[in-house]
C-alpha cells in the first residue's frame, strides 16, 4: 500500500475537484482519494502493485489538468 500527494494544477471549481476525484477513484487499486481544491492536490492511497503513480497522473491529465508526482 502506498500513499502519495500529487500536485494538480488547473482546478478552479467543485466540478474540477469532482472530475479528478472520480477519475482517480475509477482506477483499479485506488483505495482512497482526497482532492483539495484550495491546495491544488490529490492525496491518494493505492495498491502500488495494482496501479502506478504514473497511471494516476495520466488519469488526472486525461481530465484536462496538469499533474505531477
N, C-alpha and C. Protein backbone atom coordinates (compact mmCIF):
# COMPACT_ATOMS: atom_id res chain seq x y z
N UNK A 1 0.84 -1.18 0.00
CA UNK A 1 0.00 0.00 0.00
C UNK A 1 0.89 1.24 0.00
N UNK A 2 0.50 2.21 -0.78
CA UNK A 2 1.27 3.46 -0.87
C UNK A 2 0.32 4.64 -0.71
N UNK A 3 0.87 5.74 -0.26
CA UNK A 3 0.12 6.99 -0.19
C UNK A 3 1.00 8.07 -0.79
N UNK A 4 0.39 8.89 -1.64
CA UNK A 4 1.17 9.92 -2.32
C UNK A 4 0.32 11.17 -2.49
N UNK A 5 0.96 12.31 -2.36
CA UNK A 5 0.31 13.59 -2.57
C UNK A 5 0.72 14.11 -3.95
N UNK A 6 -0.23 14.16 -4.86
CA UNK A 6 0.01 14.63 -6.22
C UNK A 6 -0.36 16.10 -6.32
N UNK A 7 0.44 16.87 -7.03
CA UNK A 7 0.15 18.28 -7.30
C UNK A 7 -0.74 18.33 -8.53
N UNK A 8 -1.87 19.05 -8.44
CA UNK A 8 -2.80 19.17 -9.56
C UNK A 8 -3.01 20.65 -9.85
N UNK A 9 -2.72 21.05 -11.07
CA UNK A 9 -2.88 22.44 -11.47
C UNK A 9 -4.02 22.58 -12.48
N UNK A 10 -4.75 23.66 -12.36
CA UNK A 10 -5.81 23.94 -13.32
C UNK A 10 -7.22 23.77 -12.76
N UNK A 11 -7.34 23.28 -11.53
CA UNK A 11 -8.67 23.14 -10.93
C UNK A 11 -9.14 24.51 -10.44
N UNK A 12 -10.41 24.83 -10.73
CA UNK A 12 -10.89 26.14 -10.32
C UNK A 12 -12.27 26.11 -9.66
N UNK A 13 -12.90 24.92 -9.59
CA UNK A 13 -14.24 24.85 -9.01
C UNK A 13 -14.51 23.45 -8.47
N UNK A 14 -15.66 23.29 -7.85
CA UNK A 14 -16.01 21.99 -7.28
C UNK A 14 -16.20 20.93 -8.36
N UNK A 15 -16.61 21.34 -9.56
CA UNK A 15 -16.73 20.38 -10.66
C UNK A 15 -15.35 19.80 -11.01
N UNK A 16 -14.34 20.65 -11.02
CA UNK A 16 -12.97 20.20 -11.28
C UNK A 16 -12.54 19.19 -10.21
N UNK A 17 -12.81 19.53 -8.98
CA UNK A 17 -12.46 18.66 -7.86
C UNK A 17 -13.14 17.30 -8.01
N UNK A 18 -14.41 17.29 -8.37
CA UNK A 18 -15.15 16.04 -8.54
C UNK A 18 -14.61 15.24 -9.73
N UNK A 19 -14.27 15.92 -10.82
CA UNK A 19 -13.74 15.24 -12.00
C UNK A 19 -12.45 14.50 -11.67
N UNK A 20 -11.55 15.13 -10.93
CA UNK A 20 -10.30 14.49 -10.54
C UNK A 20 -10.57 13.34 -9.58
N UNK A 21 -11.43 13.57 -8.61
CA UNK A 21 -11.77 12.52 -7.64
C UNK A 21 -12.34 11.30 -8.35
N UNK A 22 -13.30 11.52 -9.24
CA UNK A 22 -13.94 10.40 -9.95
C UNK A 22 -12.96 9.66 -10.85
N UNK A 23 -12.10 10.39 -11.54
CA UNK A 23 -11.15 9.76 -12.46
C UNK A 23 -10.15 8.88 -11.71
N UNK A 24 -9.64 9.38 -10.61
CA UNK A 24 -8.66 8.60 -9.84
C UNK A 24 -9.35 7.45 -9.12
N UNK A 25 -10.52 7.68 -8.57
CA UNK A 25 -11.26 6.63 -7.87
C UNK A 25 -11.61 5.46 -8.78
N UNK A 26 -11.77 5.72 -10.06
CA UNK A 26 -12.16 4.68 -11.01
C UNK A 26 -11.02 3.71 -11.33
N UNK A 27 -9.79 4.07 -10.98
CA UNK A 27 -8.66 3.20 -11.27
C UNK A 27 -8.64 2.01 -10.31
N UNK A 28 -8.44 0.82 -10.87
CA UNK A 28 -8.32 -0.38 -10.05
C UNK A 28 -7.08 -0.25 -9.17
N UNK A 29 -7.24 -0.53 -7.89
CA UNK A 29 -6.12 -0.45 -6.96
C UNK A 29 -6.10 0.81 -6.12
N UNK A 30 -6.94 1.78 -6.46
CA UNK A 30 -7.02 3.01 -5.66
C UNK A 30 -8.01 2.77 -4.53
N UNK A 31 -7.55 3.02 -3.31
CA UNK A 31 -8.38 2.78 -2.12
C UNK A 31 -9.07 4.05 -1.62
N UNK A 32 -8.38 5.18 -1.72
CA UNK A 32 -8.95 6.44 -1.22
C UNK A 32 -8.35 7.62 -1.96
N UNK A 33 -9.17 8.64 -2.16
CA UNK A 33 -8.73 9.87 -2.83
C UNK A 33 -9.33 11.06 -2.09
N UNK A 34 -8.48 12.02 -1.76
CA UNK A 34 -8.95 13.28 -1.19
C UNK A 34 -8.34 14.40 -2.03
N UNK A 35 -9.20 15.13 -2.73
CA UNK A 35 -8.74 16.21 -3.59
C UNK A 35 -9.03 17.54 -2.91
N UNK A 36 -7.99 18.36 -2.78
CA UNK A 36 -8.14 19.68 -2.20
C UNK A 36 -8.07 20.73 -3.30
N UNK A 37 -9.18 21.41 -3.49
CA UNK A 37 -9.24 22.47 -4.49
C UNK A 37 -8.33 23.63 -4.09
N UNK A 38 -8.38 24.00 -2.81
CA UNK A 38 -7.59 25.14 -2.32
C UNK A 38 -6.09 24.89 -2.42
N UNK A 39 -5.67 23.67 -2.05
CA UNK A 39 -4.23 23.36 -2.06
C UNK A 39 -3.74 22.91 -3.43
N UNK A 40 -4.68 22.50 -4.30
CA UNK A 40 -4.30 22.01 -5.62
C UNK A 40 -3.59 20.67 -5.53
N UNK A 41 -4.14 19.78 -4.70
CA UNK A 41 -3.51 18.48 -4.50
C UNK A 41 -4.54 17.34 -4.54
N UNK A 42 -4.01 16.16 -4.78
CA UNK A 42 -4.81 14.93 -4.68
C UNK A 42 -4.01 13.97 -3.81
N UNK A 43 -4.55 13.64 -2.64
CA UNK A 43 -3.91 12.71 -1.72
C UNK A 43 -4.51 11.33 -2.01
N UNK A 44 -3.69 10.41 -2.50
CA UNK A 44 -4.19 9.13 -2.98
C UNK A 44 -3.53 7.99 -2.21
N UNK A 45 -4.37 7.08 -1.71
CA UNK A 45 -3.90 5.84 -1.11
C UNK A 45 -4.22 4.74 -2.10
N UNK A 46 -3.19 3.96 -2.47
CA UNK A 46 -3.39 2.98 -3.52
C UNK A 46 -2.47 1.77 -3.34
N UNK A 47 -2.84 0.68 -3.99
CA UNK A 47 -2.03 -0.52 -4.01
C UNK A 47 -1.04 -0.38 -5.14
N UNK A 48 0.22 -0.17 -4.80
CA UNK A 48 1.21 0.10 -5.83
C UNK A 48 1.58 -1.13 -6.66
N UNK A 49 1.04 -2.30 -6.28
CA UNK A 49 1.21 -3.49 -7.11
C UNK A 49 0.13 -3.55 -8.20
N UNK A 50 -0.94 -2.77 -8.01
CA UNK A 50 -2.05 -2.79 -8.96
C UNK A 50 -2.11 -1.56 -9.86
N UNK A 51 -1.62 -0.43 -9.38
CA UNK A 51 -1.68 0.80 -10.16
C UNK A 51 -0.43 1.63 -9.85
N UNK A 52 0.10 2.28 -10.86
CA UNK A 52 1.32 3.08 -10.66
C UNK A 52 0.98 4.56 -10.47
N UNK A 53 1.93 5.27 -9.92
CA UNK A 53 1.78 6.72 -9.77
C UNK A 53 1.62 7.37 -11.14
N UNK A 54 2.32 6.83 -12.13
CA UNK A 54 2.22 7.37 -13.49
C UNK A 54 0.80 7.20 -14.04
N UNK A 55 0.15 6.09 -13.73
CA UNK A 55 -1.23 5.87 -14.18
C UNK A 55 -2.19 6.86 -13.52
N UNK A 56 -1.92 7.19 -12.28
CA UNK A 56 -2.75 8.16 -11.56
C UNK A 56 -2.57 9.55 -12.19
N UNK A 57 -1.33 9.92 -12.47
CA UNK A 57 -1.06 11.19 -13.14
C UNK A 57 -1.77 11.23 -14.50
N UNK A 58 -1.70 10.14 -15.24
CA UNK A 58 -2.34 10.08 -16.56
C UNK A 58 -3.85 10.24 -16.45
N UNK A 59 -4.46 9.63 -15.43
CA UNK A 59 -5.92 9.76 -15.24
C UNK A 59 -6.31 11.20 -14.95
N UNK A 60 -5.50 11.88 -14.17
CA UNK A 60 -5.76 13.29 -13.87
C UNK A 60 -5.60 14.14 -15.13
N UNK A 61 -4.53 13.88 -15.86
CA UNK A 61 -4.28 14.67 -17.07
C UNK A 61 -5.33 14.42 -18.16
N UNK A 62 -5.91 13.23 -18.19
CA UNK A 62 -6.99 12.95 -19.15
C UNK A 62 -8.22 13.82 -18.88
N UNK A 63 -8.35 14.32 -17.68
CA UNK A 63 -9.47 15.20 -17.33
C UNK A 63 -9.17 16.65 -17.70
N UNK A 64 -7.94 16.92 -18.18
CA UNK A 64 -7.60 18.27 -18.61
C UNK A 64 -6.81 19.09 -17.64
N UNK A 65 -6.26 18.45 -16.61
CA UNK A 65 -5.47 19.16 -15.59
C UNK A 65 -4.02 18.73 -15.67
N UNK A 66 -3.13 19.57 -15.21
CA UNK A 66 -1.72 19.22 -15.13
C UNK A 66 -1.47 18.56 -13.78
N UNK A 67 -0.74 17.45 -13.81
CA UNK A 67 -0.48 16.73 -12.57
C UNK A 67 0.99 16.35 -12.50
N UNK A 68 1.49 16.27 -11.28
CA UNK A 68 2.87 15.87 -11.04
C UNK A 68 2.95 15.05 -9.77
N UNK A 69 3.91 14.15 -9.78
CA UNK A 69 4.13 13.31 -8.58
C UNK A 69 4.80 14.11 -7.51
